[in-house]
C-alpha cells in the first residue's frame, strides 16, 4: 500500500506524534488544520498517513519560521 492509501490507527498516530488519545481527540475536534478522520467501522477510525505526515511537516515548518531559521 502506498502512503496515499495507508491508513494509520489512532494508536499509531498517537505514537507517531507522541501525544495521548485525549490530545488527539482535541486536535481533531478543534476545527483547525488537523487531518480528517476516516470512519472504518462503528467503533474504529483512522487517518491517512500522507495527511498526518503533511500536517506534521507543516507544524515543523511553522515552528522553524517562528524561530527565524
Protein backbone atom coordinates (compact mmCIF):
# COMPACT_ATOMS: atom_id res chain seq x y z
CA UNK A 1 0.00 0.00 0.00
CA UNK A 2 1.33 3.42 -0.87
CA UNK A 3 1.44 6.30 1.62
CA UNK A 4 -1.51 7.88 -0.19
CA UNK A 5 -3.75 5.00 0.86
CA UNK A 6 -2.13 3.77 4.08
CA UNK A 7 -4.48 4.24 6.99
CA UNK A 8 -3.00 4.68 10.45
CA UNK A 9 -4.81 3.63 13.59
CA UNK A 10 -5.46 6.10 16.39
CA UNK A 11 -2.77 4.42 18.50
CA UNK A 12 -0.23 4.64 15.66
CA UNK A 13 -0.95 8.34 15.15
CA UNK A 14 -0.63 8.96 18.89
CA UNK A 15 2.68 7.08 18.97
CA UNK A 16 3.98 8.97 15.92
CA UNK A 17 3.04 12.36 17.40
CA UNK A 18 3.91 11.33 20.98
CA UNK A 19 0.53 12.51 22.27
CA UNK A 20 -2.31 10.89 24.21
CA UNK A 21 -5.59 9.80 22.67
CA UNK A 22 -7.32 12.64 24.53
CA UNK A 23 -5.00 15.17 22.90
CA UNK A 24 -5.60 13.58 19.51
CA UNK A 25 -9.35 13.97 20.03
CA UNK A 26 -8.86 17.63 20.99
CA UNK A 27 -6.80 18.26 17.85
CA UNK A 28 -9.43 16.51 15.71
CA UNK A 29 -12.38 18.44 17.16
CA UNK A 30 -10.69 21.85 17.42
CA UNK A 31 -11.68 22.69 13.85
CA UNK A 32 -8.12 23.53 12.88
CA UNK A 33 -5.98 22.05 10.17
CA UNK A 34 -5.62 18.58 11.69
CA UNK A 35 -6.30 15.78 9.16
CA UNK A 36 -9.82 14.44 8.80
CA UNK A 37 -10.54 11.10 10.39
CA UNK A 38 -11.77 8.18 8.31
CA UNK A 39 -14.55 6.05 9.75
CA UNK A 40 -13.54 2.41 9.35
CA UNK A 41 -16.36 0.84 11.31
CA UNK A 42 -18.89 1.57 14.03
CA UNK A 43 -16.18 1.97 16.68
CA UNK A 44 -12.98 2.42 14.68
CA UNK A 45 -11.41 5.39 12.93
CA UNK A 46 -8.12 6.00 11.20
CA UNK A 47 -6.11 8.72 9.49
CA UNK A 48 -4.37 8.77 6.13
CA UNK A 49 -0.63 8.50 6.66
CA UNK A 50 0.06 11.11 3.97
CA UNK A 51 -2.28 13.60 5.68
CA UNK A 52 -0.68 13.08 9.10
CA UNK A 53 2.84 13.42 7.67
CA UNK A 54 1.86 16.59 5.76
CA UNK A 55 0.32 18.09 8.92
CA UNK A 56 3.43 17.24 10.93
CA UNK A 57 5.70 18.78 8.27
CA UNK A 58 3.59 21.95 8.20
CA UNK A 59 3.80 22.24 12.02
CA UNK A 60 7.56 21.74 11.87
CA UNK A 61 7.96 24.37 9.15
CA UNK A 62 5.78 26.84 11.08
CA UNK A 63 7.85 26.31 14.22
CA UNK A 64 11.08 26.89 12.29
CA UNK A 65 9.67 30.07 10.74
CA UNK A 66 8.59 31.37 14.15
CA UNK A 67 12.12 30.95 15.46
CA UNK A 68 13.52 32.55 12.32
CA UNK A 69 15.50 29.63 10.95
